[in-house]
Amino acid sequence: MLIQWLIRYYLKERRLRSMALLPTNKEKKKIGAADIEIADDINVELGKSKYTAKDRRPVQVDPPVLKTIRDLSYAKDKPMYDIVALAMDALIDTLSEEERNIYNRRIKD
């Protein structure tokens, strides 16, 4: 008798729970993309010029060189490509007249 009562109670509870999960007739407000407005938008540009992934080429350097560039980048709080650009500008400034002529011929090509 107790077992029958437990079974009926279990089935009744299960039926009530499943009824609670049924959808209601209340209308739900659906929010779409037209309802969203952006008041302020920002334009973020990284770097001075834009390059595509096709234009980029990997540069292979020894691990100590990479570590030095990475450490300088962290210390100066600048991207690594800015650190490399500063180093290249400093190296170009040290070129002799003959080396500068060779360099200028190369960059024209």
PDB file of N, CA and C in Angstrom:
ATOM      1  N   MET A   1       0.819  -1.180   0.000  1.00  0.00           N
ATOM      2  CA  MET A   1       0.000   0.000   0.000  1.00  0.00           C
ATOM      3  C   MET A   1       0.877   1.264   0.000  1.00  0.00           C
ATOM      4  N   LEU A   2       1.905   1.261   0.816  1.00  0.00           N
ATOM      5  CA  LEU A   2       2.822   2.393   0.881  1.00  0.00           C
ATOM      6  C   LEU A   2       3.563   2.565  -0.441  1.00  0.00           C
ATOM      7  N   ILE A   3       3.902   1.462  -1.054  1.00  0.00           N
ATOM      8  CA  ILE A   3       4.623   1.523  -2.327  1.00  0.00           C
ATOM      9  C   ILE A   3       3.733   2.132  -3.404  1.00  0.00           C
ATOM     10  N   GLN A   4       2.456   1.743  -3.445  1.00  0.00           N
ATOM     11  CA  GLN A   4       1.538   2.312  -4.422  1.00  0.00           C
ATOM     12  C   GLN A   4       1.378   3.819  -4.201  1.00  0.00           C
ATOM     13  N   TRP A   5       1.280   4.212  -2.954  1.00  0.00           N
ATOM     14  CA  TRP A   5       1.147   5.638  -2.646  1.00  0.00           C
ATOM     15  C   TRP A   5       2.396   6.411  -3.100  1.00  0.00           C
ATOM     16  N   LEU A   6       3.588   5.850  -2.863  1.00  0.00           N
ATOM     17  CA  LEU A   6       4.828   6.498  -3.282  1.00  0.00           C
ATOM     18  C   LEU A   6       4.908   6.619  -4.803  1.00  0.00           C
ATOM     19  N   ILE A   7       4.462   5.574  -5.503  1.00  0.00           N
ATOM     20  CA  ILE A   7       4.489   5.610  -6.963  1.00  0.00           C
ATOM     21  C   ILE A   7       3.550   6.692  -7.475  1.00  0.00           C
ATOM     22  N   ARG A   8       2.301   6.764  -6.930  1.00  0.00           N
ATOM     23  CA  ARG A   8       1.355   7.790  -7.351  1.00  0.00           C
ATOM     24  C   ARG A   8       1.890   9.188  -7.042  1.00  0.00           C
ATOM     25  N   TYR A   9       2.489   9.336  -5.872  1.00  0.00           N
ATOM     26  CA  TYR A   9       3.048  10.635  -5.479  1.00  0.00           C
ATOM     27  C   TYR A   9       4.176  11.043  -6.424  1.00  0.00           C
ATOM     28  N   TYR A  10       5.035  10.099  -6.733  1.00  0.00           N
ATOM     29  CA  TYR A  10       6.146  10.370  -7.647  1.00  0.00           C
ATOM     30  C   TYR A  10       5.631  10.778  -9.022  1.00  0.00           C
ATOM     31  N   LEU A  11       4.649  10.037  -9.569  1.00  0.00           N
ATOM     32  CA  LEU A  11       4.096  10.356 -10.881  1.00  0.00           C
ATOM     33  C   LEU A  11       3.403  11.715 -10.882  1.00  0.00           C
ATOM     34  N   LYS A  12       2.690  12.021  -9.784  1.00  0.00           N
ATOM     35  CA  LYS A  12       2.012  13.307  -9.677  1.00  0.00           C
ATOM     36  C   LYS A  12       3.034  14.451  -9.666  1.00  0.00           C
ATOM     37  N   GLU A  13       4.102  14.313  -8.904  1.00  0.00           N
ATOM     38  CA  GLU A  13       5.156  15.334  -8.846  1.00  0.00           C
ATOM     39  C   GLU A  13       5.828  15.490 -10.210  1.00  0.00           C
ATOM     40  N   ARG A  14       6.055  14.383 -10.851  1.00  0.00           N
ATOM     41  CA  ARG A  14       6.703  14.424 -12.162  1.00  0.00           C
ATOM     42  C   ARG A  14       5.817  15.130 -13.180  1.00  0.00           C
ATOM     43  N   ARG A  15       4.517  14.871 -13.145  1.00  0.00           N
ATOM     44  CA  ARG A  15       3.572  15.502 -14.051  1.00  0.00           C
ATOM     45  C   ARG A  15       3.509  17.009 -13.788  1.00  0.00           C
ATOM     46  N   LEU A  16       3.527  17.410 -12.526  1.00  0.00           N
ATOM     47  CA  LEU A  16       3.497  18.831 -12.185  1.00  0.00           C
ATOM     48  C   LEU A  16       4.765  19.534 -12.657  1.00  0.00           C
ATOM     49  N   ARG A  17       5.875  18.873 -12.504  1.00  0.00           N
ATOM     50  CA  ARG A  17       7.135  19.466 -12.960  1.00  0.00           C
ATOM     51  C   ARG A  17       7.150  19.627 -14.476  1.00  0.00           C
ATOM     52  N   SER A  18       6.672  18.628 -15.199  1.00  0.00           N
ATOM     53  CA  SER A  18       6.674  18.722 -16.654  1.00  0.00           C
ATOM     54  C   SER A  18       5.688  19.781 -17.126  1.00  0.00           C
ATOM     55  N   MET A  19       4.604  19.982 -16.395  1.00  0.00           N
ATOM     56  CA  MET A  19       3.650  21.026 -16.753  1.00  0.00           C
ATOM     57  C   MET A  19       4.267  22.406 -16.548  1.00  0.00           C
ATOM     58  N   ALA A  20       5.128  22.532 -15.568  1.00  0.00           N
ATOM     59  CA  ALA A  20       5.761  23.819 -15.309  1.00  0.00           C
ATOM     60  C   ALA A  20       6.726  24.187 -16.429  1.00  0.00           C
ATOM     61  N   LEU A  21       7.220  23.209 -17.152  1.00  0.00           N
ATOM     62  CA  LEU A  21       8.160  23.477 -18.225  1.00  0.00           C
ATOM     63  C   LEU A  21       7.482  23.777 -19.558  1.00  0.00           C
ATOM     64  N   LEU A  22       6.164  23.619 -19.631  1.00  0.00           N
ATOM     65  CA  LEU A  22       5.465  23.896 -20.875  1.00  0.00           C
ATOM     66  C   LEU A  22       5.469  25.394 -21.154  1.00  0.00           C
ATOM     67  N   PRO A  23       5.502  25.786 -22.414  1.00  0.00           N
ATOM     68  CA  PRO A  23       5.514  27.219 -22.725  1.00  0.00           C
ATOM     69  C   PRO A  23       4.194  27.876 -22.348  1.00  0.00           C
ATOM     70  N   THR A  24       4.272  29.134 -21.982  1.00  0.00           N
ATOM     71  CA  THR A  24       3.070  29.872 -21.604  1.00  0.00           C
ATOM     72  C   THR A  24       2.549  30.641 -22.810  1.00  0.00           C
ATOM     73  N   ASN A  25       1.380  31.195 -22.687  1.00  0.00           N
ATOM     74  CA  ASN A  25       0.779  31.952 -23.773  1.00  0.00           C
ATOM     75  C   ASN A  25       1.189  33.417 -23.750  1.00  0.00           C
ATOM     76  N   LYS A  26       1.994  33.812 -22.789  1.00  0.00           N
ATOM     77  CA  LYS A  26       2.420  35.201 -22.694  1.00  0.00           C
ATOM     78  C   LYS A  26       3.337  35.540 -23.862  1.00  0.00           C
ATOM     79  N   GLU A  27       3.164  36.753 -24.386  1.00  0.00           N
ATOM     80  CA  GLU A  27       4.043  37.194 -25.468  1.00  0.00           C
ATOM     81  C   GLU A  27       5.391  37.585 -24.893  1.00  0.00           C
ATOM     82  N   LYS A  28       6.420  37.163 -25.556  1.00  0.00           N
ATOM     83  CA  LYS A  28       7.765  37.510 -25.122  1.00  0.00           C
ATOM     84  C   LYS A  28       8.286  38.594 -26.047  1.00  0.00           C
ATOM     85  N   LYS A  29       8.884  39.614 -25.462  1.00  0.00           N
ATOM     86  CA  LYS A  29       9.437  40.701 -26.259  1.00  0.00           C
ATOM     87  C   LYS A  29      10.769  40.237 -26.836  1.00  0.00           C
ATOM     88  N   LYS A  30      10.851  40.244 -28.143  1.00  0.00           N
ATOM     89  CA  LYS A  30      12.083  39.826 -28.805  1.00  0.00           C
ATOM     90  C   LYS A  30      12.885  41.068 -29.171  1.00  0.00           C
ATOM     91  N   ILE A  31      14.146  41.074 -28.791  1.00  0.00           N
ATOM     92  CA  ILE A  31      15.023  42.194 -29.086  1.00  0.00           C
ATOM     93  C   ILE A  31      15.855  41.834 -30.305  1.00  0.00           C
ATOM     94  N   GLY A  32      15.833  42.695 -31.294  1.00  0.00           N
ATOM     95  CA  GLY A  32      16.601  42.467 -32.509  1.00  0.00           C
ATOM     96  C   GLY A  32      17.693  43.501 -32.664  1.00  0.00           C
ATOM     97  N   ALA A  33      18.426  43.404 -33.752  1.00  0.00           N
ATOM     98  CA  ALA A  33      19.528  44.330 -34.008  1.00  0.00           C
ATOM     99  C   ALA A  33      19.024  45.755 -34.201  1.00  0.00           C
ATOM    100  N   ALA A  34      17.807  45.913 -34.706  1.00  0.00           N
ATOM    101  CA  ALA A  34      17.255  47.256 -34.923  1.00  0.00           C
ATOM    102  C   ALA A  34      16.983  47.974 -33.604  1.00  0.00           C
ATOM    103  N   ASP A  35      16.782  47.228 -32.523  1.00  0.00           N
ATOM    104  CA  ASP A  35      16.496  47.832 -31.223  1.00  0.00           C
ATOM    105  C   ASP A  35      17.743  48.334 -30.508  1.00  0.00           C
ATOM    106  N   ILE A  36      18.910  47.940 -30.968  1.00  0.00           N
ATOM    107  CA  ILE A  36      20.156  48.304 -30.294  1.00  0.00           C
ATOM    108  C   ILE A  36      20.736  49.539 -30.957  1.00  0.00           C
ATOM    109  N   GLU A  37      21.027  50.546 -30.152  1.00  0.00           N
ATOM    110  CA  GLU A  37      21.624  51.774 -30.664  1.00  0.00           C
ATOM    111  C   GLU A  37      22.980  51.983 -30.005  1.00  0.00           C
ATOM    112  N   ILE A  38      23.959  52.359 -30.801  1.00  0.00           N
ATOM    113  CA  ILE A  38      25.293  52.656 -30.281  1.00  0.00           C
ATOM    114  C   ILE A  38      25.461  54.161 -30.329  1.00  0.00           C
ATOM    115  N   ALA A  39      25.579  54.773 -29.151  1.00  0.00           N
ATOM    116  CA  ALA A  39      25.671  56.232 -29.086  1.00  0.00           C
ATOM    117  C   ALA A  39      27.045  56.714 -29.536  1.00  0.00           C
ATOM    118  N   ASP A  40      28.098  56.158 -28.982  1.00  0.00           N
ATOM    119  CA  ASP A  40      29.455  56.575 -29.311  1.00  0.00           C
ATOM    120  C   ASP A  40      30.210  55.388 -29.878  1.00  0.00           C
ATOM    121  N   ASP A  41      30.886  55.614 -30.971  1.00  0.00           N
ATOM    122  CA  ASP A  41      31.685  54.567 -31.591  1.00  0.00           C
ATOM    123  C   ASP A  41      33.105  55.085 -31.724  1.00  0.00           C
ATOM    124  N   ILE A  42      34.073  54.203 -31.556  1.00  0.00           N
ATOM    125  CA  ILE A  42      35.461  54.624 -31.654  1.00  0.00           C
ATOM    126  C   ILE A  42      36.098  54.001 -32.883  1.00  0.00           C
ATOM    127  N   ASN A  43      37.113  54.654 -33.373  1.00  0.00           N
ATOM    128  CA  ASN A  43      37.862  54.156 -34.520  1.00  0.00           C
ATOM    129  C   ASN A  43      39.278  53.875 -34.041  1.00  0.00           C
ATOM    130  N   VAL A  44      39.628  52.617 -33.968  1.00  0.00           N
ATOM    131  CA  VAL A  44      40.936  52.226 -33.472  1.00  0.00           C
ATOM    132  C   VAL A  44      41.784  51.776 -34.646  1.00  0.00           C
ATOM    133  N   GLU A  45      42.944  52.394 -34.791  1.00  0.00           N
ATOM    134  CA  GLU A  45      43.885  51.984 -35.826  1.00  0.00           C
ATOM    135  C   GLU A  45      45.201  51.645 -35.155  1.00  0.00           C
ATOM    136  N   LEU A  46      45.669  50.450 -35.355  1.00  0.00           N
ATOM    137  CA  LEU A  46      46.929  50.018 -34.778  1.00  0.00           C
ATOM    138  C   LEU A  46      48.021  50.190 -35.813  1.00  0.00           C
ATOM    139  N   GLY A  47      49.095  50.815 -35.424  1.00  0.00           N
ATOM    140  CA  GLY A  47      50.204  51.018 -36.348  1.00  0.00           C
ATOM    141  C   GLY A  47      49.953  52.191 -37.273  1.00  0.00           C
ATOM    142  N   LYS A  48      50.975  52.555 -38.013  1.00  0.00           N
ATOM    143  CA  LYS A  48      50.863  53.708 -38.901  1.00  0.00           C
ATOM    144  C   LYS A  48      50.267  53.337 -40.248  1.00  0.00           C
ATOM    145  N   SER A  49      50.502  52.143 -40.711  1.00  0.00           N
ATOM    146  CA  SER A  49      49.954  51.728 -41.996  1.00  0.00           C
ATOM    147  C   SER A  49      49.293  50.371 -41.828  1.00  0.00           C
ATOM    148  N   LYS A  50      48.366  50.110 -42.711  1.00  0.00           N
ATOM    149  CA  LYS A  50      47.629  48.852 -42.616  1.00  0.00           C
ATOM    150  C   LYS A  50      48.219  47.848 -43.602  1.00  0.00           C
ATOM    151  N   TYR A  51      48.476  46.682 -43.118  1.00  0.00           N
ATOM    152  CA  TYR A  51      48.993  45.602 -43.952  1.00  0.00           C
ATOM    153  C   TYR A  51      48.035  44.432 -43.865  1.00  0.00           C
ATOM    154  N   THR A  52      47.940  43.693 -44.929  1.00  0.00           N
ATOM    155  CA  THR A  52      47.132  42.486 -44.900  1.00  0.00           C
ATOM    156  C   THR A  52      48.016  41.318 -44.476  1.00  0.00           C
ATOM    157  N   ALA A  53      47.397  40.229 -44.128  1.00  0.00           N
ATOM    158  CA  ALA A  53      48.152  39.043 -43.721  1.00  0.00           C
ATOM    159  C   ALA A  53      49.003  38.520 -44.875  1.00  0.00           C
ATOM    160  N   LYS A  54      48.550  38.749 -46.100  1.00  0.00           N
ATOM    161  CA  LYS A  54      49.307  38.300 -47.271  1.00  0.00           C
ATOM    162  C   LYS A  54      50.606  39.086 -47.423  1.00  0.00           C
ATOM    163  N   ASP A  55      50.594  40.357 -47.004  1.00  0.00           N
ATOM    164  CA  ASP A  55      51.782  41.204 -47.123  1.00  0.00           C
ATOM    165  C   ASP A  55      52.839  40.889 -46.069  1.00  0.00           C
ATOM    166  N   ARG A  56      52.426  40.338 -44.943  1.00  0.00           N
ATOM    167  CA  ARG A  56      53.366  40.105 -43.843  1.00  0.00           C
ATOM    168  C   ARG A  56      54.239  38.886 -44.118  1.00  0.00           C
ATOM    169  N   ARG A  57      55.490  38.981 -43.678  1.00  0.00           N
ATOM    170  CA  ARG A  57      56.429  37.871 -43.806  1.00  0.00           C
ATOM    171  C   ARG A  57      57.080  37.636 -42.447  1.00  0.00           C
ATOM    172  N   PRO A  58      57.311  36.383 -42.093  1.00  0.00           N
ATOM    173  CA  PRO A  58      57.971  36.122 -40.809  1.00  0.00           C
ATOM    174  C   PRO A  58      59.457  36.458 -40.875  1.00  0.00           C
ATOM    175  N   VAL A  59      59.965  36.923 -39.773  1.00  0.00           N
ATOM    176  CA  VAL A  59      61.393  37.210 -39.658  1.00  0.00           C
ATOM    177  C   VAL A  59      61.943  36.253 -38.615  1.00  0.00           C
ATOM    178  N   GLN A  60      62.949  35.497 -38.996  1.00  0.00           N
ATOM    179  CA  GLN A  60      63.528  34.542 -38.066  1.00  0.00           C
ATOM    180  C   GLN A  60      64.760  35.152 -37.427  1.00  0.00           C
ATOM    181  N   VAL A  61      64.740  35.199 -36.101  1.00  0.00           N
ATOM    182  CA  VAL A  61      65.877  35.733 -35.349  1.00  0.00           C
ATOM    183  C   VAL A  61      66.265  34.716 -34.287  1.00  0.00           C
ATOM    184  N   ASP A  62      67.474  34.865 -33.794  1.00  0.00           N
ATOM    185  CA  ASP A  62      67.932  33.987 -32.726  1.00  0.00           C
ATOM    186  C   ASP A  62      67.155  34.296 -31.448  1.00  0.00           C
ATOM    187  N   PRO A  63      67.005  33.301 -30.570  1.00  0.00           N
ATOM    188  CA  PRO A  63      66.247  33.520 -29.331  1.00  0.00           C
ATOM    189  C   PRO A  63      66.741  34.693 -28.476  1.00  0.00           C
ATOM    190  N   PRO A  64      68.058  34.930 -28.336  1.00  0.00           N
ATOM    191  CA  PRO A  64      68.471  36.090 -27.527  1.00  0.00           C
ATOM    192  C   PRO A  64      68.027  37.426 -28.128  1.00  0.00           C
ATOM    193  N   VAL A  65      68.012  37.512 -29.459  1.00  0.00           N
ATOM    194  CA  VAL A  65      67.562  38.746 -30.114  1.00  0.00           C
ATOM    195  C   VAL A  65      66.074  38.963 -29.855  1.00  0.00           C
ATOM    196  N   LEU A  66      65.298  37.909 -30.001  1.00  0.00           N
ATOM    197  CA  LEU A  66      63.866  38.008 -29.737  1.00  0.00           C
ATOM    198  C   LEU A  66      63.603  38.382 -28.286  1.00  0.00           C
ATOM    199  N   LYS A  67      64.361  37.789 -27.366  1.00  0.00           N
ATOM    200  CA  LYS A  67      64.190  38.103 -25.943  1.00  0.00           C
ATOM    201  C   LYS A  67      64.524  39.564 -25.674  1.00  0.00           C
ATOM    202  N   THR A  68      65.571  40.086 -26.315  1.00  0.00           N
ATOM    203  CA  THR A  68      65.946  41.490 -26.134  1.00  0.00           C
ATOM    204  C   THR A  68      64.846  42.410 -26.651  1.00  0.00           C
ATOM    205  N   ILE A  69      64.320  42.112 -27.833  1.00  0.00           N
ATOM    206  CA  ILE A  69      63.243  42.934 -28.395  1.00  0.00           C
ATOM    207  C   ILE A  69      62.011  42.875 -27.502  1.00  0.00           C
ATOM    208  N   ARG A  70      61.682  41.687 -27.035  1.00  0.00           N
ATOM    209  CA  ARG A  70      60.514  41.521 -26.170  1.00  0.00           C
ATOM    210  C   ARG A  70      60.697  42.259 -24.850  1.00  0.00           C
ATOM    211  N   ASP A  71      61.897  42.173 -24.254  1.00  0.00           N
ATOM    212  CA  ASP A  71      62.159  42.859 -22.987  1.00  0.00           C
ATOM    213  C   ASP A  71      62.114  44.374 -23.155  1.00  0.00           C
ATOM    214  N   LEU A  72      62.695  44.879 -24.253  1.00  0.00           N
ATOM    215  CA  LEU A  72      62.632  46.318 -24.515  1.00  0.00           C
ATOM    216  C   LEU A  72      61.195  46.776 -24.749  1.00  0.00           C
ATOM    217  N   SER A  73      60.439  45.956 -25.442  1.00  0.00           N
ATOM    218  CA  SER A  73      59.039  46.276 -25.694  1.00  0.00           C
ATOM    219  C   SER A  73      58.266  46.373 -24.387  1.00  0.00           C
ATOM    220  N   TYR A  74      58.531  45.463 -23.485  1.00  0.00           N
ATOM    221  CA  TYR A  74      57.859  45.474 -22.182  1.00  0.00           C
ATOM    222  C   TYR A  74      58.296  46.677 -21.355  1.00  0.00           C
ATOM    223  N   ALA A  75      59.597  46.966 -21.354  1.00  0.00           N
ATOM    224  CA  ALA A  75      60.125  48.069 -20.549  1.00  0.00           C
ATOM    225  C   ALA A  75      59.632  49.423 -21.062  1.00  0.00           C
ATOM    226  N   LYS A  76      59.586  49.596 -22.378  1.00  0.00           N
ATOM    227  CA  LYS A  76      59.159  50.871 -22.966  1.00  0.00           C
ATOM    228  C   LYS A  76      57.643  50.956 -23.136  1.00  0.00           C
ATOM    229  N   ASP A  77      56.948  49.854 -22.915  1.00  0.00           N
ATOM    230  CA  ASP A  77      55.495  49.775 -23.085  1.00  0.00           C
ATOM    231  C   ASP A  77      55.093  50.181 -24.510  1.00  0.00           C
ATOM    232  N   LYS A  78      55.815  49.616 -25.466  1.00  0.00           N
ATOM    233  CA  LYS A  78      55.547  49.851 -26.884  1.00  0.00           C
ATOM    234  C   LYS A  78      55.473  48.503 -27.587  1.00  0.00           C
ATOM    235  N   PRO A  79      54.753  48.439 -28.704  1.00  0.00           N
ATOM    236  CA  PRO A  79      54.720  47.190 -29.469  1.00  0.00           C
ATOM    237  C   PRO A  79      56.106  46.842 -30.007  1.00  0.00           C
ATOM    238  N   MET A  80      56.327  45.557 -30.234  1.00  0.00           N
ATOM    239  CA  MET A  80      57.636  45.102 -30.697  1.00  0.00           C
ATOM    240  C   MET A  80      57.991  45.694 -32.054  1.00  0.00           C
ATOM    241  N   TYR A  81      57.002  45.894 -32.935  1.00  0.00           N
ATOM    242  CA  TYR A  81      57.338  46.456 -34.249  1.00  0.00           C
ATOM    243  C   TYR A  81      57.806  47.904 -34.126  1.00  0.00           C
ATOM    244  N   ASP A  82      57.322  48.647 -33.104  1.00  0.00           N
ATOM    245  CA  ASP A  82      57.832  50.009 -32.879  1.00  0.00           C
ATOM    246  C   ASP A  82      59.277  49.978 -32.395  1.00  0.00           C
ATOM    247  N   ILE A  83      59.603  49.016 -31.543  1.00  0.00           N
ATOM    248  CA  ILE A  83      60.981  48.879 -31.049  1.00  0.00           C
ATOM    249  C   ILE A  83      61.917  48.564 -32.215  1.00  0.00           C
ATOM    250  N   VAL A  84      61.497  47.673 -33.093  1.00  0.00           N
ATOM    251  CA  VAL A  84      62.322  47.319 -34.256  1.00  0.00           C
ATOM    252  C   VAL A  84      62.468  48.527 -35.181  1.00  0.00           C
ATOM    253  N   ALA A  85      61.394  49.289 -35.377  1.00  0.00           N
ATOM    254  CA  ALA A  85      61.466  50.476 -36.239  1.00  0.00           C
ATOM    255  C   ALA A  85      62.436  51.504 -35.659  1.00  0.00           C
ATOM    256  N   LEU A  86      62.416  51.702 -34.338  1.00  0.00           N
ATOM    257  CA  LEU A  86      63.362  52.629 -33.702  1.00  0.00           C
ATOM    258  C   LEU A  86      64.800  52.154 -33.879  1.00  0.00           C
ATOM    259  N   ALA A  87      65.010  50.847 -33.724  1.00  0.00           N
ATOM    260  CA  ALA A  87      66.362  50.298 -33.882  1.00  0.00           C
ATOM    261  C   ALA A  87      66.843  50.455 -35.325  1.00  0.00           C
ATOM    262  N   MET A  88      65.965  50.237 -36.285  1.00  0.00           N
ATOM    263  CA  MET A  88      66.349  50.388 -37.693  1.00  0.00           C
ATOM    264  C   MET A  88      66.666  51.848 -38.012  1.00  0.00           C
ATOM    265  N   ASP A  89      65.866  52.778 -37.489  1.00  0.00           N
ATOM    266  CA  ASP A  89      66.144  54.203 -37.716  1.00  0.00           C
ATOM    267  C   ASP A  89      67.495  54.597 -37.128  1.00  0.00           C
ATOM    268  N   ALA A  90      67.795  54.080 -35.933  1.00  0.00           N
ATOM    269  CA  ALA A  90      69.083  54.388 -35.306  1.00  0.00           C
ATOM    270  C   ALA A  90      70.236  53.807 -36.120  1.00  0.00           C
ATOM    271  N   LEU A  91      70.056  52.614 -36.661  1.00  0.00           N
ATOM    272  CA  LEU A  91      71.099  51.996 -37.477  1.00  0.00           C
ATOM    273  C   LEU A  91      71.289  52.743 -38.798  1.00  0.00           C
ATOM    274  N   ILE A  92      70.199  53.193 -39.393  1.00  0.00           N
ATOM    275  CA  ILE A  92      70.290  53.956 -40.645  1.00  0.00           C
ATOM    276  C   ILE A  92      71.042  55.263 -40.415  1.00  0.00           C
ATOM    277  N   ASP A  93      70.858  55.879 -39.254  1.00  0.00           N
ATOM    278  CA  ASP A  93      71.558  57.133 -38.947  1.00  0.00           C
ATOM    279  C   ASP A  93      73.068  56.940 -38.837  1.00  0.00           C
ATOM    280  N   THR A  94      73.524  55.731 -38.551  1.00  0.00           N
ATOM    281  CA  THR A  94      74.962  55.481 -38.395  1.00  0.00           C
ATOM    282  C   THR A  94      75.648  55.079 -39.697  1.00  0.00           C
ATOM    283  N   LEU A  95      74.906  54.991 -40.800  1.00  0.00           N
ATOM    284  CA  LEU A  95      75.502  54.561 -42.070  1.00  0.00           C
ATOM    285  C   LEU A  95      76.479  55.610 -42.592  1.00  0.00           C
ATOM    286  N   SER A  96      77.570  55.104 -43.176  1.00  0.00           N
ATOM    287  CA  SER A  96      78.516  56.013 -43.839  1.00  0.00           C
ATOM    288  C   SER A  96      77.910  56.467 -45.167  1.00  0.00           C
ATOM    289  N   GLU A  97      78.577  57.378 -45.846  1.00  0.00           N
ATOM    290  CA  GLU A  97      78.041  57.903 -47.105  1.00  0.00           C
ATOM    291  C   GLU A  97      77.933  56.811 -48.164  1.00  0.00           C
ATOM    292  N   GLU A  98      78.933  55.960 -48.243  1.00  0.00           N
ATOM    293  CA  GLU A  98      78.907  54.869 -49.222  1.00  0.00           C
ATOM    294  C   GLU A  98      77.794  53.870 -48.890  1.00  0.00           C
ATOM    295  N   GLU A  99      77.690  53.501 -47.607  1.00  0.00           N
ATOM    296  CA  GLU A  99      76.636  52.572 -47.189  1.00  0.00           C
ATOM    297  C   GLU A  99      75.250  53.183 -47.407  1.00  0.00           C
ATOM    298  N   ARG A 100      75.128  54.488 -47.177  1.00  0.00           N
ATOM    299  CA  ARG A 100      73.843  55.161 -47.380  1.00  0.00           C
ATOM    300  C   ARG A 100      73.446  55.143 -48.860  1.00  0.00           C
ATOM    301  N   ASN A 101      74.423  55.315 -49.755  1.00  0.00           N
ATOM    302  CA  ASN A 101      74.134  55.239 -51.191  1.00  0.00           C
ATOM    303  C   ASN A 101      73.633  53.853 -51.576  1.00  0.00           C
ATOM    304  N   ILE A 102      74.286  52.830 -51.055  1.00  0.00           N
ATOM    305  CA  ILE A 102      73.854  51.449 -51.325  1.00  0.00           C
ATOM    306  C   ILE A 102      72.440  51.227 -50.781  1.00  0.00           C
ATOM    307  N   TYR A 103      72.217  51.706 -49.566  1.00  0.00           N
ATOM    308  CA  TYR A 103      70.898  51.558 -48.933  1.00  0.00           C
ATOM    309  C   TYR A 103      69.823  52.282 -49.749  1.00  0.00           C
ATOM    310  N   ASN A 104      70.109  53.492 -50.182  1.00  0.00           N
ATOM    311  CA  ASN A 104      69.131  54.264 -50.958  1.00  0.00           C
ATOM    312  C   ASN A 104      68.809  53.597 -52.291  1.00  0.00           C
ATOM    313  N   ARG A 105      69.813  52.969 -52.916  1.00  0.00           N
ATOM    314  CA  ARG A 105      69.552  52.241 -54.161  1.00  0.00           C
ATOM    315  C   ARG A 105      68.640  51.046 -53.913  1.00  0.00           C
ATOM    316  N   ARG A 106      68.843  50.379 -52.781  1.00  0.00           N
ATOM    317  CA  ARG A 106      68.028  49.196 -52.458  1.00  0.00           C
ATOM    318  C   ARG A 106      66.577  49.569 -52.171  1.00  0.00           C
ATOM    319  N   ILE A 107      66.355  50.674 -51.475  1.00  0.00           N
ATOM    320  CA  ILE A 107      64.971  51.008 -51.125  1.00  0.00           C
ATOM    321  C   ILE A 107      64.201  51.575 -52.308  1.00  0.00           C
ATOM    322  N   LYS A 108      64.900  52.047 -53.337  1.00  0.00           N
ATOM    323  CA  LYS A 108      64.210  52.541 -54.534  1.00  0.00           C
ATOM    324  C   LYS A 108      63.636  51.395 -55.348  1.00  0.00           C
ATOM    325  N   ASP A 109      64.232  50.213 -55.264  1.00  0.00           N
ATOM    326  CA  ASP A 109      63.781  49.059 -56.059  1.00  0.00           C
ATOM    327  C   ASP A 109      62.521  48.458 -55.533  1.00  0.00           C
TER     328      ASP A 109
END
